[in-house]
Amino acid sequence: MKTQMYSLAMFPLNIIVFPGEEVPLRIFEPRYKQLISECEETGMSFGIPFIDSNELTSIGSHVTLHKVVTKIENGNSVIIIRGINLFKLHNFSEELPGKLYGGGIVEHIENNYATTNSQLAVLVKKLRLNLSDSLGTLIINNSISMLDVARALMLNSEQKYKLLTLKDDKTRENFLINRLKLKEFILTQEQRIENNFHLN
């Protein structure tokens, strides 16, 4: 089955927004003021190609305008965006006809990043990671979304990008297991320090 390509208005940034994730943005450039204004008026969504070391990458986030938090007289604003899905960027134009902002042709990333890795599941439960606002630490049918784990670990965008660009799911599982073990080690050390403090 051939993957469908589609076009999106583009707002390149050094952030990756996972599906369901909400992120605040400050809008001050004229081109993005125009983009967000059109999103308010029409309800259109847009893409955020990830910028790594000042270079545009082929990985990006399809997002929607979730909320305008505040507007200032000069047209600057603070907004909250919500992730819809992830995409692979095939073509990018700095400026669309008649617009200040750019656009591109993208392909939806089909991988659902689900895993049934038992070691990963044990660590998630042990650390009581909040995988979902509604489900908490609950794991359904022994399957976990690696994106939910990454979000619960509060990975930064560079770490998210690394996770997404690893060669296969097994490598991604190992990446997350190592991050979970590091978190477990840090929490153990913090508990040890706290116990020693109370003993003195």
C-alpha atoms as a PDB file:
ATOM      1  CA  MET A   1       0.000   0.000   0.000  1.00  0.00           C
ATOM      2  CA  LYS A   2       1.468   3.326  -1.089  1.00  0.00           C
ATOM      3  CA  THR A   3       1.799   5.939   1.647  1.00  0.00           C
ATOM      4  CA  GLN A   4      -0.133   9.113   0.915  1.00  0.00           C
ATOM      5  CA  MET A   5       1.746  12.400   0.652  1.00  0.00           C
ATOM      6  CA  TYR A   6       0.139  15.646   1.769  1.00  0.00           C
ATOM      7  CA  SER A   7       1.102  19.296   2.081  1.00  0.00           C
ATOM      8  CA  LEU A   8       1.387  21.375   5.238  1.00  0.00           C
ATOM      9  CA  ALA A   9       2.240  24.932   6.164  1.00  0.00           C
ATOM     10  CA  MET A  10       5.594  24.825   7.964  1.00  0.00           C
ATOM     11  CA  PHE A  11       7.036  26.335  11.136  1.00  0.00           C
ATOM     12  CA  PRO A  12      10.584  24.892  11.467  1.00  0.00           C
ATOM     13  CA  LEU A  13      11.788  24.728  15.092  1.00  0.00           C
ATOM     14  CA  ASN A  14      14.188  22.746  17.251  1.00  0.00           C
ATOM     15  CA  ILE A  15      11.337  20.914  18.986  1.00  0.00           C
ATOM     16  CA  ILE A  16       9.598  17.582  18.473  1.00  0.00           C
ATOM     17  CA  VAL A  17       5.993  17.278  19.628  1.00  0.00           C
ATOM     18  CA  PHE A  18       4.702  13.742  20.086  1.00  0.00           C
ATOM     19  CA  PRO A  19       1.033  12.865  19.368  1.00  0.00           C
ATOM     20  CA  GLY A  20      -1.130  14.117  22.231  1.00  0.00           C
ATOM     21  CA  GLU A  21       1.670  16.217  23.685  1.00  0.00           C
ATOM     22  CA  GLU A  22       0.998  19.911  24.379  1.00  0.00           C
ATOM     23  CA  VAL A  23       3.769  22.504  24.113  1.00  0.00           C
ATOM     24  CA  PRO A  24       3.729  26.311  24.599  1.00  0.00           C
ATOM     25  CA  LEU A  25       5.226  28.561  21.898  1.00  0.00           C
ATOM     26  CA  ARG A  26       5.959  32.283  21.796  1.00  0.00           C
ATOM     27  CA  ILE A  27       5.003  33.816  18.442  1.00  0.00           C
ATOM     28  CA  PHE A  28       6.787  37.010  17.387  1.00  0.00           C
ATOM     29  CA  GLU A  29       8.016  36.699  13.773  1.00  0.00           C
ATOM     30  CA  PRO A  30       5.658  38.259  11.171  1.00  0.00           C
ATOM     31  CA  ARG A  31       5.521  35.064   9.070  1.00  0.00           C
ATOM     32  CA  TYR A  32       4.428  32.950  12.019  1.00  0.00           C
ATOM     33  CA  LYS A  33       2.025  35.595  13.282  1.00  0.00           C
ATOM     34  CA  GLN A  34       0.366  35.227   9.872  1.00  0.00           C
ATOM     35  CA  LEU A  35       0.392  31.426  10.112  1.00  0.00           C
ATOM     36  CA  ILE A  36      -1.125  31.309  13.596  1.00  0.00           C
ATOM     37  CA  SER A  37      -3.720  33.941  12.668  1.00  0.00           C
ATOM     38  CA  GLU A  38      -4.826  31.723   9.756  1.00  0.00           C
ATOM     39  CA  CYS A  39      -4.914  28.683  12.056  1.00  0.00           C
ATOM     40  CA  GLU A  40      -7.253  30.635  14.369  1.00  0.00           C
ATOM     41  CA  GLU A  41      -9.486  31.682  11.476  1.00  0.00           C
ATOM     42  CA  THR A  42      -9.665  28.385   9.574  1.00  0.00           C
ATOM     43  CA  GLY A  43      -8.708  25.677  12.076  1.00  0.00           C
ATOM     44  CA  MET A  44      -5.913  24.469   9.781  1.00  0.00           C
ATOM     45  CA  SER A  45      -3.013  22.484  11.196  1.00  0.00           C
ATOM     46  CA  PHE A  46       0.686  22.878  10.377  1.00  0.00           C
ATOM     47  CA  GLY A  47       4.006  21.053  10.467  1.00  0.00           C
ATOM     48  CA  ILE A  48       7.122  21.574  12.568  1.00  0.00           C
ATOM     49  CA  PRO A  49      10.188  20.119  10.824  1.00  0.00           C
ATOM     50  CA  PHE A  50      12.859  19.503  13.452  1.00  0.00           C
ATOM     51  CA  ILE A  51      15.982  21.688  13.263  1.00  0.00           C
ATOM     52  CA  ASP A  52      19.107  19.899  14.524  1.00  0.00           C
ATOM     53  CA  SER A  53      22.346  21.921  14.828  1.00  0.00           C
ATOM     54  CA  ASN A  54      20.809  24.641  12.611  1.00  0.00           C
ATOM     55  CA  GLU A  55      20.022  22.066   9.899  1.00  0.00           C
ATOM     56  CA  LEU A  56      16.506  21.177   8.752  1.00  0.00           C
ATOM     57  CA  THR A  57      15.932  17.435   9.210  1.00  0.00           C
ATOM     58  CA  SER A  58      13.439  15.120   7.501  1.00  0.00           C
ATOM     59  CA  ILE A  59      11.622  14.357  10.786  1.00  0.00           C
ATOM     60  CA  GLY A  60       8.771  16.566  11.941  1.00  0.00           C
ATOM     61  CA  SER A  61       5.607  16.937  13.991  1.00  0.00           C
ATOM     62  CA  HIS A  62       2.139  17.577  12.595  1.00  0.00           C
ATOM     63  CA  VAL A  63       0.431  19.859  15.117  1.00  0.00           C
ATOM     64  CA  THR A  64      -2.704  21.872  15.669  1.00  0.00           C
ATOM     65  CA  LEU A  65      -3.306  25.151  17.478  1.00  0.00           C
ATOM     66  CA  HIS A  66      -4.804  24.066  20.794  1.00  0.00           C
ATOM     67  CA  LYS A  67      -5.117  27.384  22.598  1.00  0.00           C
ATOM     68  CA  VAL A  68      -4.085  31.034  22.436  1.00  0.00           C
ATOM     69  CA  VAL A  69      -2.884  31.805  25.960  1.00  0.00           C
ATOM     70  CA  THR A  70      -2.249  35.519  25.582  1.00  0.00           C
ATOM     71  CA  LYS A  71      -1.986  38.234  22.949  1.00  0.00           C
ATOM     72  CA  ILE A  72       0.029  41.457  23.165  1.00  0.00           C
ATOM     73  CA  GLU A  73      -0.745  44.746  21.357  1.00  0.00           C
ATOM     74  CA  ASN A  74       2.134  44.321  18.878  1.00  0.00           C
ATOM     75  CA  GLY A  75       0.640  41.050  17.658  1.00  0.00           C
ATOM     76  CA  ASN A  76       2.990  38.794  19.609  1.00  0.00           C
ATOM     77  CA  SER A  77       1.328  35.910  21.395  1.00  0.00           C
ATOM     78  CA  VAL A  78       1.825  32.816  23.495  1.00  0.00           C
ATOM     79  CA  ILE A  79       0.039  29.719  22.226  1.00  0.00           C
ATOM     80  CA  ILE A  80      -0.235  26.043  23.060  1.00  0.00           C
ATOM     81  CA  ILE A  81       0.103  23.504  20.255  1.00  0.00           C
ATOM     82  CA  ARG A  82      -0.946  19.842  20.361  1.00  0.00           C
ATOM     83  CA  GLY A  83       0.749  17.010  18.483  1.00  0.00           C
ATOM     84  CA  ILE A  84      -1.320  15.039  15.954  1.00  0.00           C
ATOM     85  CA  ASN A  85       1.251  12.706  14.418  1.00  0.00           C
ATOM     86  CA  LEU A  86       4.828  12.491  13.153  1.00  0.00           C
ATOM     87  CA  PHE A  87       5.945  12.865   9.550  1.00  0.00           C
ATOM     88  CA  LYS A  88       8.837  12.486   7.151  1.00  0.00           C
ATOM     89  CA  LEU A  89       9.539  15.661   5.192  1.00  0.00           C
ATOM     90  CA  HIS A  90      10.055  15.166   1.436  1.00  0.00           C
ATOM     91  CA  ASN A  91      10.104  18.732   0.168  1.00  0.00           C
ATOM     92  CA  PHE A  92      10.355  22.156   1.788  1.00  0.00           C
ATOM     93  CA  SER A  93       9.770  25.678   0.436  1.00  0.00           C
ATOM     94  CA  GLU A  94      10.879  28.727   2.424  1.00  0.00           C
ATOM     95  CA  GLU A  95       7.859  30.725   1.293  1.00  0.00           C
ATOM     96  CA  LEU A  96       4.486  29.649  -0.095  1.00  0.00           C
ATOM     97  CA  PRO A  97       2.873  31.724  -2.872  1.00  0.00           C
ATOM     98  CA  GLY A  98       1.184  34.782  -1.352  1.00  0.00           C
ATOM     99  CA  LYS A  99       2.321  33.834   2.175  1.00  0.00           C
ATOM    100  CA  LEU A 100       5.140  34.898   4.477  1.00  0.00           C
ATOM    101  CA  TYR A 101       5.569  31.375   5.848  1.00  0.00           C
ATOM    102  CA  GLY A 102       6.832  28.233   4.156  1.00  0.00           C
ATOM    103  CA  GLY A 103       5.370  24.823   3.431  1.00  0.00           C
ATOM    104  CA  GLY A 104       6.272  21.298   2.511  1.00  0.00           C
ATOM    105  CA  ILE A 105       5.224  17.872   1.278  1.00  0.00           C
ATOM    106  CA  VAL A 106       5.199  15.210   3.987  1.00  0.00           C
ATOM    107  CA  GLU A 107       4.511  11.519   4.521  1.00  0.00           C
ATOM    108  CA  HIS A 108       2.859  10.273   7.700  1.00  0.00           C
ATOM    109  CA  ILE A 109       5.129   7.970   9.740  1.00  0.00           C
ATOM    110  CA  GLU A 110       3.120   4.736  10.054  1.00  0.00           C
ATOM    111  CA  ASN A 111       5.139   3.180  12.910  1.00  0.00           C
ATOM    112  CA  ASN A 112       3.012   3.163  16.095  1.00  0.00           C
ATOM    113  CA  TYR A 113       6.157   2.562  18.208  1.00  0.00           C
ATOM    114  CA  ALA A 114       4.392  -0.092  20.298  1.00  0.00           C
ATOM    115  CA  THR A 115       6.498  -2.528  22.306  1.00  0.00           C
ATOM    116  CA  THR A 116       5.842  -5.629  24.419  1.00  0.00           C
ATOM    117  CA  ASN A 117       9.389  -5.692  25.834  1.00  0.00           C
ATOM    118  CA  SER A 118       8.985  -7.152  29.346  1.00  0.00           C
ATOM    119  CA  GLN A 119      12.110  -5.491  30.777  1.00  0.00           C
ATOM    120  CA  LEU A 120      10.860  -2.100  29.652  1.00  0.00           C
ATOM    121  CA  ALA A 121       7.386  -2.791  31.098  1.00  0.00           C
ATOM    122  CA  VAL A 122       8.852  -3.836  34.478  1.00  0.00           C
ATOM    123  CA  LEU A 123      10.904  -0.640  34.708  1.00  0.00           C
ATOM    124  CA  VAL A 124       7.911   1.517  33.751  1.00  0.00           C
ATOM    125  CA  LYS A 125       5.836  -0.067  36.533  1.00  0.00           C
ATOM    126  CA  LYS A 126       8.691   0.056  39.045  1.00  0.00           C
ATOM    127  CA  LEU A 127       9.244   3.762  38.404  1.00  0.00           C
ATOM    128  CA  ARG A 128       5.476   4.398  38.339  1.00  0.00           C
ATOM    129  CA  LEU A 129       5.748   6.433  35.171  1.00  0.00           C
ATOM    130  CA  ASN A 130       2.632   8.354  34.241  1.00  0.00           C
ATOM    131  CA  LEU A 131       2.125   7.110  30.676  1.00  0.00           C
ATOM    132  CA  SER A 132      -1.255   8.756  30.247  1.00  0.00           C
ATOM    133  CA  ASP A 133      -3.329  11.453  31.936  1.00  0.00           C
ATOM    134  CA  SER A 134      -6.297   9.092  31.957  1.00  0.00           C
ATOM    135  CA  LEU A 135      -4.601   5.705  32.452  1.00  0.00           C
ATOM    136  CA  GLY A 136      -1.594   6.652  34.579  1.00  0.00           C
ATOM    137  CA  THR A 137       0.794   3.682  34.759  1.00  0.00           C
ATOM    138  CA  LEU A 138      -1.740   1.220  33.340  1.00  0.00           C
ATOM    139  CA  ILE A 139      -0.366  -0.930  30.527  1.00  0.00           C
ATOM    140  CA  ILE A 140      -3.040  -2.309  28.187  1.00  0.00           C
ATOM    141  CA  ASN A 141      -2.621  -5.806  26.695  1.00  0.00           C
ATOM    142  CA  ASN A 142       1.067  -5.751  27.741  1.00  0.00           C
ATOM    143  CA  SER A 143       1.727  -3.208  24.976  1.00  0.00           C
ATOM    144  CA  ILE A 144       3.347   0.170  25.625  1.00  0.00           C
ATOM    145  CA  SER A 145       3.886   3.104  23.301  1.00  0.00           C
ATOM    146  CA  MET A 146       7.574   4.002  23.284  1.00  0.00           C
ATOM    147  CA  LEU A 147       6.493   7.587  22.606  1.00  0.00           C
ATOM    148  CA  ASP A 148       4.489   7.586  25.869  1.00  0.00           C
ATOM    149  CA  VAL A 149       7.541   6.283  27.741  1.00  0.00           C
ATOM    150  CA  ALA A 150       9.748   8.953  26.156  1.00  0.00           C
ATOM    151  CA  ARG A 151       7.231  11.634  27.129  1.00  0.00           C
ATOM    152  CA  ALA A 152       6.995  10.312  30.711  1.00  0.00           C
ATOM    153  CA  LEU A 153      10.799  10.390  30.930  1.00  0.00           C
ATOM    154  CA  MET A 154      10.620  14.033  29.779  1.00  0.00           C
ATOM    155  CA  LEU A 155      13.173  13.471  27.039  1.00  0.00           C
ATOM    156  CA  ASN A 156      14.303  16.691  25.379  1.00  0.00           C
ATOM    157  CA  SER A 157      13.827  17.187  21.644  1.00  0.00           C
ATOM    158  CA  GLU A 158      17.380  16.087  20.769  1.00  0.00           C
ATOM    159  CA  GLN A 159      16.804  12.812  22.646  1.00  0.00           C
ATOM    160  CA  LYS A 160      13.391  12.397  20.977  1.00  0.00           C
ATOM    161  CA  TYR A 161      15.018  12.910  17.578  1.00  0.00           C
ATOM    162  CA  LYS A 162      17.645  10.282  18.389  1.00  0.00           C
ATOM    163  CA  LEU A 163      14.915   7.843  19.446  1.00  0.00           C
ATOM    164  CA  LEU A 164      12.960   8.383  16.221  1.00  0.00           C
ATOM    165  CA  THR A 165      16.002   8.008  13.966  1.00  0.00           C
ATOM    166  CA  LEU A 166      17.364   4.796  15.520  1.00  0.00           C
ATOM    167  CA  LYS A 167      17.408   1.964  12.997  1.00  0.00           C
ATOM    168  CA  ASP A 168      14.752  -0.351  14.473  1.00  0.00           C
ATOM    169  CA  ASP A 169      12.372  -0.954  17.369  1.00  0.00           C
ATOM    170  CA  LYS A 170      14.838  -3.212  19.221  1.00  0.00           C
ATOM    171  CA  THR A 171      17.427  -0.415  19.274  1.00  0.00           C
ATOM    172  CA  ARG A 172      14.754   2.034  20.406  1.00  0.00           C
ATOM    173  CA  GLU A 173      13.728  -0.321  23.224  1.00  0.00           C
ATOM    174  CA  ASN A 174      17.344  -0.556  24.417  1.00  0.00           C
ATOM    175  CA  PHE A 175      17.684   3.224  24.254  1.00  0.00           C
ATOM    176  CA  LEU A 176      14.637   3.654  26.505  1.00  0.00           C
ATOM    177  CA  ILE A 177      15.699   0.851  28.862  1.00  0.00           C
ATOM    178  CA  ASN A 178      19.029   2.620  29.403  1.00  0.00           C
ATOM    179  CA  ARG A 179      17.203   5.899  30.097  1.00  0.00           C
ATOM    180  CA  LEU A 180      14.862   4.109  32.535  1.00  0.00           C
ATOM    181  CA  LYS A 181      17.814   2.507  34.334  1.00  0.00           C
ATOM    182  CA  LEU A 182      19.486   5.911  34.623  1.00  0.00           C
ATOM    183  CA  LYS A 183      16.314   7.370  36.133  1.00  0.00           C
ATOM    184  CA  GLU A 184      16.109   4.421  38.540  1.00  0.00           C
ATOM    185  CA  PHE A 185      19.748   4.968  39.582  1.00  0.00           C
ATOM    186  CA  ILE A 186      19.183   8.708  40.160  1.00  0.00           C
ATOM    187  CA  LEU A 187      16.057   8.084  42.243  1.00  0.00           C
ATOM    188  CA  THR A 188      17.905   5.436  44.304  1.00  0.00           C
ATOM    189  CA  GLN A 189      20.750   7.865  44.986  1.00  0.00           C
ATOM    190  CA  GLU A 190      18.310  10.618  45.964  1.00  0.00           C
ATOM    191  CA  GLN A 191      16.544   8.256  48.371  1.00  0.00           C
ATOM    192  CA  ARG A 192      19.887   7.198  49.870  1.00  0.00           C
ATOM    193  CA  ILE A 193      20.894  10.834  50.440  1.00  0.00           C
ATOM    194  CA  GLU A 194      17.519  11.588  52.009  1.00  0.00           C
ATOM    195  CA  ASN A 195      17.811   8.577  54.345  1.00  0.00           C
ATOM    196  CA  ASN A 196      21.331   9.582  55.398  1.00  0.00           C
ATOM    197  CA  PHE A 197      20.103  13.127  56.057  1.00  0.00           C
ATOM    198  CA  HIS A 198      17.411  11.857  58.425  1.00  0.00           C
ATOM    199  CA  LEU A 199      19.930   9.635  60.236  1.00  0.00           C
ATOM    200  CA  ASN A 200      22.265  12.570  61.021  1.00  0.00           C
END
